[in-house]
Amino acid sequence: MKRRVVGAAILLVVGLAIWAVRAVLAPSLQPVESLRLAVSPQIMSALVYVAADKGFFRAEGLDVTLETYPFGKDALAKVMEGQADVATVAEVPVMWAVLKGGQPTVFAIIQSTDHDITVVARNDAGISRPADLAGKRVGVVLGTNHEYFLDLFLGVNKIDPDSVTIVPVSMSDGADAVISGRVDALSSWVSARLAVQAAMPGKIVSFPSEGIYTELWTLAAQPEFLKTRPEAVRRLLRALIRAERFAAVNRQEAVAIVAPYIKLDKALVNQVWDEFGFSVSLDQTVLVHMEGEARREIKKMPGTNMPDFLKHISADGLRAVESGRVTIILP
């Protein structure tokens, strides 16, 4: 009898050991899934670059192809066209895509900050305070959160939008537009701001977004992808959570990884790193932002109804991975 009990105990221990090993190695025992990730080479995409560099995607059973596009709106466009599976994108281009009848769905936030976007302006254009933007030329990438921030900034500072001349710029020429004098100011992202400050030391004034606008950097996909490939979504989120934890305890290595991807000097990335909140989550802010942004735009679009943005947010993937990271209230 004792031998049977001991034998049963040994089998139980061995069985538990095998189960534990399989649990640890589960991703590597499953077929590798391919995923096309459209990413904008900005510091907000840091967790993507850390996950790629440290092999976290592969460890979770994903073969990720990083496809680079200048801005999040360009990355999202590729998803909408079916040329990519997932995009890193701010919430504003998602809002615009929904207003135009598209079906993008946000399934995670991977960064949030109110320090990325600033208005940088030339002192020699007579600008030393926000009110001085009246009558000036301001560069902006249309259809992005930079345009939305500028709208908010003008409103907060009681500047008539009609008194400002909007000059469309791109990621590649935004900083140069300020440096060359083609524009007097720019609704700027961090890399452009740093470039302008380096080229014109002591000749630039910056007006930050702190307290005016909190930027959300999200993951967005088509609903069909989320429906048909839930395991790929979970693996992607697990890899990015691993990247988040790695970056939190290996700050300098994370900075060194990200700097070449976004084509900024490591010292500059180190300088601004702590201004960004690199964390995988899904909270109420994304819904509040998209609804608020849409209300402002719908006022300019007679006959357009407010979409139900809840239909463009999915918590299924993140709930399955780490439910505590989901705080948004969904039906």
Protein backbone atom coordinates (compact mmCIF):
# COMPACT_ATOMS: atom_id res chain seq x y z
CA MET A 1 0.00 0.00 0.00
CA LYS A 2 2.82 2.36 0.94
CA ARG A 3 4.54 1.65 -2.37
CA ARG A 4 1.36 2.57 -4.28
CA VAL A 5 0.99 5.82 -2.35
CA VAL A 6 4.67 6.69 -2.92
CA GLY A 7 4.38 5.74 -6.59
CA ALA A 8 1.27 7.86 -6.99
CA ALA A 9 3.00 10.77 -5.27
CA ILE A 10 6.02 10.46 -7.58
CA LEU A 11 3.76 10.40 -10.64
CA LEU A 12 1.95 13.47 -9.33
CA VAL A 13 5.20 15.36 -8.79
CA VAL A 14 6.50 14.36 -12.23
CA GLY A 15 3.20 15.32 -13.80
CA LEU A 16 3.24 18.73 -12.13
CA ALA A 17 6.84 19.26 -13.23
CA ILE A 18 5.99 18.43 -16.83
CA TRP A 19 2.97 20.75 -16.67
CA ALA A 20 5.11 23.57 -15.26
CA VAL A 21 7.75 23.15 -17.99
CA ARG A 22 5.07 23.13 -20.66
CA ALA A 23 3.50 26.27 -19.18
CA VAL A 24 6.85 28.10 -19.28
CA LEU A 25 7.65 26.89 -22.77
CA ALA A 26 4.09 27.14 -24.09
CA PRO A 27 4.76 29.96 -26.58
CA SER A 28 7.70 28.08 -28.09
CA LEU A 29 5.66 24.87 -28.41
CA GLN A 30 2.93 26.60 -30.40
CA PRO A 31 3.17 27.49 -34.09
CA VAL A 32 4.81 30.87 -34.65
CA GLU A 33 2.37 33.51 -35.88
CA SER A 34 3.40 36.25 -38.25
CA LEU A 35 2.32 39.83 -37.64
CA ARG A 36 2.86 43.03 -39.63
CA LEU A 37 3.27 45.94 -37.22
CA ALA A 38 3.13 49.41 -38.77
CA VAL A 39 5.10 51.70 -36.50
CA SER A 40 6.04 55.37 -36.46
CA PRO A 41 9.71 55.90 -35.47
CA GLN A 42 9.01 58.12 -32.50
CA ILE A 43 9.89 57.72 -28.84
CA MET A 44 6.27 56.81 -28.08
CA SER A 45 6.91 53.50 -29.87
CA ALA A 46 9.71 52.63 -27.43
CA LEU A 47 8.13 49.43 -26.10
CA VAL A 48 7.87 48.05 -29.64
CA TYR A 49 11.58 48.60 -30.24
CA VAL A 50 12.59 47.13 -26.88
CA ALA A 51 10.43 44.05 -27.51
CA ALA A 52 11.97 43.59 -30.96
CA ASP A 53 15.55 44.09 -29.81
CA LYS A 54 15.32 41.85 -26.75
CA GLY A 55 13.57 39.03 -28.62
CA PHE A 56 10.33 39.28 -26.65
CA PHE A 57 8.17 38.95 -29.76
CA ARG A 58 9.92 35.74 -30.78
CA ALA A 59 9.81 34.44 -27.21
CA GLU A 60 6.04 34.85 -27.26
CA GLY A 61 5.72 32.98 -30.56
CA LEU A 62 5.45 35.95 -32.90
CA ASP A 63 7.35 36.66 -36.09
CA VAL A 64 6.90 40.43 -36.22
CA THR A 65 7.74 42.50 -39.27
CA LEU A 66 8.21 46.15 -38.33
CA GLU A 67 7.02 48.41 -41.14
CA THR A 68 8.05 52.03 -40.64
CA TYR A 69 5.88 55.03 -41.54
CA PRO A 70 6.45 58.73 -40.75
CA PHE A 71 3.42 59.28 -38.52
CA GLY A 72 0.82 57.21 -36.74
CA LYS A 73 -1.83 58.33 -39.23
CA ASP A 74 0.26 56.82 -42.03
CA ALA A 75 0.63 53.56 -40.09
CA LEU A 76 -3.11 53.45 -39.45
CA ALA A 77 -3.81 54.05 -43.14
CA LYS A 78 -1.85 50.89 -43.99
CA VAL A 79 -3.94 48.92 -41.50
CA MET A 80 -7.14 50.29 -43.03
CA GLU A 81 -5.87 49.30 -46.49
CA GLY A 82 -5.07 45.77 -45.29
CA GLN A 83 -1.32 46.21 -45.79
CA ALA A 84 -0.53 45.88 -42.06
CA ASP A 85 -2.15 44.08 -39.14
CA VAL A 86 -1.59 46.53 -36.27
CA ALA A 87 -0.58 50.21 -36.09
CA THR A 88 1.00 52.35 -33.41
CA VAL A 89 -1.02 55.55 -33.57
CA ALA A 90 -2.31 58.42 -31.48
CA GLU A 91 -6.04 58.52 -30.80
CA VAL A 92 -6.72 61.49 -33.12
CA PRO A 93 -6.15 59.66 -36.44
CA VAL A 94 -8.33 56.83 -35.11
CA MET A 95 -11.08 59.37 -34.42
CA TRP A 96 -10.74 60.78 -37.94
CA ALA A 97 -10.87 57.32 -39.50
CA VAL A 98 -14.10 56.58 -37.61
CA LEU A 99 -15.66 59.91 -38.67
CA LYS A 100 -14.86 58.97 -42.28
CA GLY A 101 -16.67 55.64 -41.92
CA GLY A 102 -13.73 53.36 -41.14
CA GLN A 103 -13.72 50.63 -38.51
CA PRO A 104 -10.39 50.92 -36.65
CA THR A 105 -10.37 49.46 -33.16
CA VAL A 106 -8.06 50.47 -30.32
CA PHE A 107 -7.08 47.51 -28.13
CA ALA A 108 -4.33 48.97 -25.94
CA ILE A 109 -2.50 52.14 -24.94
CA ILE A 110 1.29 51.74 -24.88
CA GLN A 111 2.35 55.26 -23.89
CA SER A 112 0.82 58.45 -22.53
CA THR A 113 2.30 61.89 -21.93
CA ASP A 114 1.50 65.57 -21.82
CA HIS A 115 5.11 66.47 -22.69
CA ASP A 116 5.49 65.31 -26.29
CA ILE A 117 3.74 68.05 -28.26
CA THR A 118 4.80 71.67 -27.87
CA VAL A 119 4.53 74.84 -29.89
CA VAL A 120 8.08 75.92 -30.69
CA ALA A 121 8.44 79.46 -32.02
CA ARG A 122 11.13 81.81 -33.27
CA ASN A 123 11.94 84.76 -31.01
CA ASP A 124 12.94 86.84 -34.03
CA ALA A 125 9.38 86.49 -35.35
CA GLY A 126 8.28 88.54 -32.38
CA ILE A 127 6.97 85.59 -30.36
CA SER A 128 7.63 85.44 -26.63
CA ARG A 129 4.18 84.50 -25.31
CA PRO A 130 1.23 82.53 -26.74
CA ALA A 131 -0.76 85.66 -27.67
CA ASP A 132 2.04 86.61 -30.08
CA LEU A 133 1.03 83.72 -32.40
CA ALA A 134 -1.79 85.90 -33.75
CA GLY A 135 -0.87 86.97 -37.25
CA LYS A 136 1.91 84.37 -37.52
CA ARG A 137 2.54 81.28 -39.69
CA VAL A 138 2.30 78.02 -37.75
CA GLY A 139 3.40 74.71 -39.23
CA VAL A 140 1.29 71.64 -38.47
CA VAL A 141 0.96 68.06 -39.72
CA LEU A 142 -2.70 67.96 -40.68
CA GLY A 143 -4.89 65.11 -39.52
CA THR A 144 -2.76 64.33 -36.47
CA ASN A 145 -2.88 65.07 -32.76
CA HIS A 146 -0.50 67.98 -33.48
CA GLU A 147 -3.35 69.72 -35.29
CA TYR A 148 -5.75 68.89 -32.45
CA PHE A 149 -3.30 70.17 -29.83
CA LEU A 150 -2.83 73.44 -31.71
CA ASP A 151 -6.61 73.87 -31.80
CA LEU A 152 -6.77 73.34 -28.03
CA PHE A 153 -3.76 75.58 -27.42
CA LEU A 154 -5.27 78.48 -29.34
CA GLY A 155 -8.57 78.06 -27.50
CA VAL A 156 -6.99 77.92 -24.03
CA ASN A 157 -4.99 81.05 -24.79
CA LYS A 158 -7.99 82.87 -26.32
CA ILE A 159 -6.34 83.25 -29.72
CA ASP A 160 -8.69 83.53 -32.69
CA PRO A 161 -7.85 80.55 -34.98
CA ASP A 162 -8.57 82.73 -38.00
CA SER A 163 -5.75 85.04 -36.96
CA VAL A 164 -3.21 82.23 -37.44
CA THR A 165 -1.99 81.08 -40.85
CA ILE A 166 -1.74 77.29 -40.89
CA VAL A 167 1.12 75.95 -43.01
CA PRO A 168 1.01 72.18 -43.71
CA VAL A 169 4.32 70.42 -42.99
CA SER A 170 5.50 66.81 -42.81
CA MET A 171 7.64 64.87 -40.38
CA SER A 172 10.63 65.23 -42.69
CA ASP A 173 10.46 69.02 -43.08
CA GLY A 174 8.75 70.29 -39.92
CA ALA A 175 11.92 71.23 -38.06
CA ASP A 176 13.51 72.68 -41.20
CA ALA A 177 10.44 74.84 -41.77
CA VAL A 178 11.11 76.61 -38.47
CA ILE A 179 14.89 76.77 -38.87
CA SER A 180 14.66 78.20 -42.39
CA GLY A 181 12.00 80.73 -41.42
CA ARG A 182 9.32 79.26 -43.70
CA VAL A 183 7.10 79.23 -40.60
CA ASP A 184 7.25 81.29 -37.43
CA ALA A 185 6.21 78.43 -35.16
CA LEU A 186 5.49 74.71 -35.25
CA SER A 187 3.08 72.41 -33.43
CA SER A 188 5.97 70.12 -32.75
CA TRP A 189 6.78 66.54 -31.74
CA VAL A 190 9.75 65.85 -29.49
CA SER A 191 12.36 65.03 -32.16
CA ALA A 192 11.50 68.17 -34.16
CA ARG A 193 11.63 70.29 -31.01
CA LEU A 194 15.05 68.95 -30.10
CA ALA A 195 16.31 69.53 -33.66
CA VAL A 196 15.10 73.14 -33.67
CA GLN A 197 16.56 73.86 -30.24
CA ALA A 198 19.91 72.39 -31.27
CA ALA A 199 20.01 74.44 -34.47
CA MET A 200 18.85 77.70 -32.87
CA PRO A 201 20.08 77.77 -29.28
CA GLY A 202 18.67 80.67 -27.30
CA LYS A 203 16.51 81.79 -30.23
CA ILE A 204 13.46 79.61 -29.61
CA VAL A 205 10.58 79.73 -27.14
CA SER A 206 8.53 76.60 -26.33
CA PHE A 207 4.95 76.39 -25.13
CA PRO A 208 4.29 72.87 -23.74
CA SER A 209 1.13 70.78 -23.82
CA GLU A 210 1.31 70.07 -20.09
CA GLY A 211 -2.14 70.50 -18.58
CA ILE A 212 -3.72 71.06 -22.02
CA TYR A 213 -3.49 67.74 -23.81
CA THR A 214 -2.38 64.23 -22.85
CA GLU A 215 -1.26 62.26 -25.85
CA LEU A 216 -2.20 58.57 -26.03
CA TRP A 217 -0.12 56.21 -28.17
CA THR A 218 -2.30 53.23 -28.97
CA LEU A 219 -2.40 49.92 -30.77
CA ALA A 220 -5.15 49.80 -33.39
CA ALA A 221 -6.32 47.12 -35.80
CA GLN A 222 -9.27 46.18 -37.97
CA PRO A 223 -12.05 44.32 -36.10
CA GLU A 224 -11.64 41.29 -38.38
CA PHE A 225 -8.02 40.89 -37.28
CA LEU A 226 -8.98 41.05 -33.60
CA LYS A 227 -11.76 38.53 -34.18
CA THR A 228 -9.83 36.00 -36.26
CA ARG A 229 -6.40 36.23 -34.62
CA PRO A 230 -6.94 36.63 -30.87
CA GLU A 231 -3.85 34.58 -29.99
CA ALA A 232 -1.61 36.89 -32.04
CA VAL A 233 -3.11 39.85 -30.16
CA ARG A 234 -2.43 38.22 -26.79
CA ARG A 235 1.14 37.35 -27.75
CA LEU A 236 1.77 40.91 -28.93
CA LEU A 237 0.48 42.34 -25.66
CA ARG A 238 2.49 39.88 -23.56
CA ALA A 239 5.66 40.82 -25.45
CA LEU A 240 5.05 44.54 -24.91
CA ILE A 241 4.36 44.01 -21.21
CA ARG A 242 7.70 42.20 -21.00
CA ALA A 243 9.29 45.20 -22.72
CA GLU A 244 7.61 47.57 -20.26
CA ARG A 245 9.00 45.63 -17.29
CA PHE A 246 12.44 45.42 -18.84
CA ALA A 247 12.58 49.16 -19.56
CA ALA A 248 11.46 49.98 -16.02
CA VAL A 249 14.51 48.28 -14.48
CA ASN A 250 17.00 48.71 -17.33
CA ARG A 251 16.47 52.36 -18.22
CA GLN A 252 19.85 53.06 -19.80
CA GLU A 253 19.81 49.91 -21.91
CA ALA A 254 16.28 50.72 -23.08
CA VAL A 255 17.40 54.24 -24.05
CA ALA A 256 20.34 52.79 -25.98
CA ILE A 257 18.01 50.38 -27.81
CA VAL A 258 15.45 53.01 -28.80
CA ALA A 259 17.78 55.85 -29.89
CA PRO A 260 18.92 54.32 -33.22
CA TYR A 261 15.37 53.34 -34.19
CA ILE A 262 14.13 56.93 -33.85
CA LYS A 263 17.37 58.42 -35.21
CA LEU A 264 18.13 60.56 -32.17
CA ASP A 265 21.35 60.83 -30.21
CA LYS A 266 21.28 58.63 -27.11
CA ALA A 267 21.96 61.65 -24.88
CA LEU A 268 18.88 63.43 -26.24
CA VAL A 269 16.69 60.36 -25.75
CA ASN A 270 18.01 60.06 -22.19
CA GLN A 271 17.18 63.72 -21.64
CA VAL A 272 13.47 63.32 -22.46
CA TRP A 273 12.87 59.65 -21.53
CA ASP A 274 11.22 60.33 -18.18
CA GLU A 275 8.69 62.67 -19.79
CA PHE A 276 6.97 59.64 -21.33
CA GLY A 277 4.88 57.01 -19.59
CA PHE A 278 5.66 53.63 -21.15
CA SER A 279 2.96 51.29 -19.93
CA VAL A 280 0.47 48.87 -21.48
CA SER A 281 -3.07 49.69 -20.41
CA LEU A 282 -6.58 50.49 -21.56
CA ASP A 283 -8.44 53.16 -19.62
CA GLN A 284 -11.33 55.59 -19.95
CA THR A 285 -9.07 58.34 -21.28
CA VAL A 286 -9.06 56.94 -24.81
CA LEU A 287 -12.86 57.09 -25.00
CA VAL A 288 -13.05 60.56 -23.44
CA HIS A 289 -10.39 61.85 -25.83
CA MET A 290 -11.97 60.49 -29.00
CA GLU A 291 -15.43 61.74 -28.05
CA GLY A 292 -14.10 65.18 -27.13
CA GLU A 293 -12.04 65.46 -30.29
CA ALA A 294 -14.98 64.33 -32.42
CA ARG A 295 -17.30 66.93 -30.88
CA ARG A 296 -14.93 69.71 -31.89
CA GLU A 297 -14.70 68.42 -35.46
CA ILE A 298 -18.40 67.65 -35.88
CA LYS A 299 -19.18 71.30 -35.19
CA LYS A 300 -17.41 72.02 -38.47
CA MET A 301 -19.24 69.19 -40.29
CA PRO A 302 -23.00 69.91 -40.45
CA GLY A 303 -25.10 66.76 -40.68
CA THR A 304 -22.46 64.49 -39.14
CA ASN A 305 -23.57 62.44 -36.13
CA MET A 306 -21.45 61.43 -33.16
CA PRO A 307 -20.21 57.86 -33.68
CA ASP A 308 -20.40 55.27 -30.91
CA PHE A 309 -16.70 55.12 -30.10
CA LEU A 310 -17.25 52.24 -27.66
CA LYS A 311 -17.63 50.08 -30.76
CA HIS A 312 -14.08 51.03 -31.70
CA ILE A 313 -12.44 49.90 -28.46
CA SER A 314 -11.75 46.27 -27.55
CA ALA A 315 -10.51 45.07 -24.16
CA ASP A 316 -10.69 41.34 -24.89
CA GLY A 317 -7.00 40.83 -25.60
CA LEU A 318 -5.61 42.77 -22.65
CA ARG A 319 -8.21 41.32 -20.27
CA ALA A 320 -7.07 37.82 -21.27
CA VAL A 321 -3.42 38.71 -20.64
CA GLU A 322 -3.58 40.92 -17.51
CA SER A 323 -7.10 42.00 -16.62
CA GLY A 324 -5.87 44.52 -14.03
CA ARG A 325 -4.49 46.69 -16.81
CA VAL A 326 -8.01 47.30 -18.14
CA THR A 327 -9.94 50.02 -16.31
CA ILE A 328 -12.14 51.35 -19.12
CA ILE A 329 -15.86 50.75 -18.60
CA LEU A 330 -17.20 48.81 -21.57
CA PRO A 331 -20.61 47.14 -22.10
